Protein backbone atom coordinates (compact mmCIF):
# COMPACT_ATOMS: atom_id res chain seq x y z
CA MET A 1 -34.70 -19.20 12.70
CA LYS A 2 -32.09 -21.27 14.53
CA ASP A 3 -30.53 -22.32 11.21
CA MET A 4 -30.35 -18.67 10.16
CA MET A 5 -28.43 -17.75 13.32
CA GLY A 6 -26.02 -20.63 12.77
CA MET A 7 -25.40 -19.52 9.19
CA LEU A 8 -24.84 -15.95 10.35
CA LYS A 9 -22.27 -17.09 12.94
CA LYS A 10 -20.45 -19.16 10.30
CA ALA A 11 -20.41 -16.20 7.92
CA GLN A 12 -19.01 -13.93 10.65
CA ALA A 13 -16.30 -16.48 11.49
CA LEU A 14 -15.38 -16.76 7.81
CA GLN A 15 -15.23 -12.97 7.47
CA SER A 16 -13.00 -12.78 10.54
CA LYS A 17 -10.63 -15.40 9.12
CA MET A 18 -10.51 -13.57 5.77
CA ASN A 19 -9.61 -10.31 7.52
CA GLU A 20 -6.82 -12.05 9.43
CA LEU A 21 -5.44 -13.62 6.25
CA GLN A 22 -5.53 -10.32 4.35
CA ALA A 23 -3.60 -8.61 7.14
CA GLU A 24 -1.09 -11.46 7.25
CA LEU A 25 -0.61 -11.41 3.47
CA LYS A 26 0.46 -7.78 3.64
CA THR A 27 3.35 -8.80 5.91
CA ARG A 28 4.68 -11.57 3.61
CA GLU A 29 7.25 -10.83 0.95
CA ILE A 30 7.55 -12.67 -2.34
CA ILE A 31 10.53 -12.13 -4.65
CA GLY A 32 10.29 -12.72 -8.37
CA THR A 33 13.47 -12.85 -10.43
CA SER A 34 14.60 -12.85 -14.04
CA GLY A 35 17.85 -12.63 -15.94
CA GLN A 36 19.49 -15.16 -13.61
CA GLY A 37 18.64 -13.01 -10.59
CA LYS A 38 19.83 -9.72 -12.08
CA VAL A 39 16.34 -8.23 -11.90
CA LYS A 40 14.17 -8.73 -8.81
CA VAL A 41 10.68 -7.59 -7.95
CA THR A 42 9.57 -7.82 -4.32
CA MET A 43 5.88 -7.72 -3.54
CA ASN A 44 3.74 -8.55 -0.57
CA GLY A 45 1.06 -11.22 -0.47
CA ALA A 46 -1.56 -8.63 -1.43
CA GLN A 47 0.46 -8.19 -4.64
CA ASP A 48 1.61 -4.65 -3.88
CA VAL A 49 5.04 -4.05 -5.42
CA LEU A 50 7.42 -3.07 -2.61
CA LYS A 51 10.76 -2.93 -4.38
CA ILE A 52 12.45 -3.37 -7.74
CA SER A 53 16.15 -4.21 -7.82
CA ILE A 54 18.20 -4.07 -11.03
CA ASP A 55 21.82 -5.12 -11.33
CA PRO A 56 23.74 -2.25 -13.01
CA GLU A 57 25.20 -4.82 -15.40
CA VAL A 58 21.89 -5.03 -17.27
CA VAL A 59 21.39 -1.26 -17.57
CA LYS A 60 22.58 -0.49 -21.08
CA PRO A 61 21.10 2.50 -22.94
CA ASP A 62 20.97 0.62 -26.25
CA GLU A 63 19.17 -2.39 -24.70
CA THR A 64 16.24 -0.80 -22.88
CA ASP A 65 13.83 -3.26 -24.48
CA LEU A 66 15.73 -6.14 -22.85
CA LEU A 67 15.60 -4.43 -19.45
CA GLU A 68 11.87 -3.84 -19.84
CA ASP A 69 11.37 -7.52 -20.63
CA LEU A 70 13.42 -8.55 -17.59
CA VAL A 71 11.43 -6.28 -15.25
CA LEU A 72 8.17 -7.61 -16.65
CA ALA A 73 9.34 -11.21 -16.29
CA ALA A 74 10.42 -10.63 -12.67
CA PHE A 75 7.08 -9.00 -11.87
CA ASN A 76 5.16 -11.90 -13.38
CA ASP A 77 7.33 -14.38 -11.50
CA ALA A 78 6.54 -12.66 -8.18
CA ARG A 79 2.85 -12.41 -9.02
CA THR A 80 2.74 -16.11 -9.89
CA LYS A 81 4.33 -17.02 -6.58
CA SER A 82 2.00 -14.80 -4.55
CA PRO A 83 -1.32 -16.63 -4.96
CA GLY A 84 0.41 -19.92 -4.11
CA SER A 85 1.39 -18.64 -0.69
CA TRP A 86 -2.15 -17.41 -0.14
CA ARG A 87 -3.69 -20.74 -1.10
CA ARG A 88 -1.31 -22.71 1.13
CA ARG A 89 -2.07 -20.46 4.10
CA TRP A 90 -5.83 -20.59 3.51
CA ALA A 91 -5.76 -24.40 3.45
CA SER A 92 -4.19 -24.59 6.92
């Protein structure tokens, strides 16, 4: 019974730490870029997209496929960076 109480306390402490980390992740911003910084996607650590910024230079009606590729690449760059910040924070 004593072991069960100890396990329960450890589980509660872990849950508390997870809740703190999730709240903290929502306050962190990660910026993914593509096209030499002409397209940027900003997301928080929970991977919610907060902002997309596109340099007018890359907005050309006859090259929408290129713009779509740049936005996708910037999104993937931000998403790739996001779990890294979570893992580093969790390890501390």
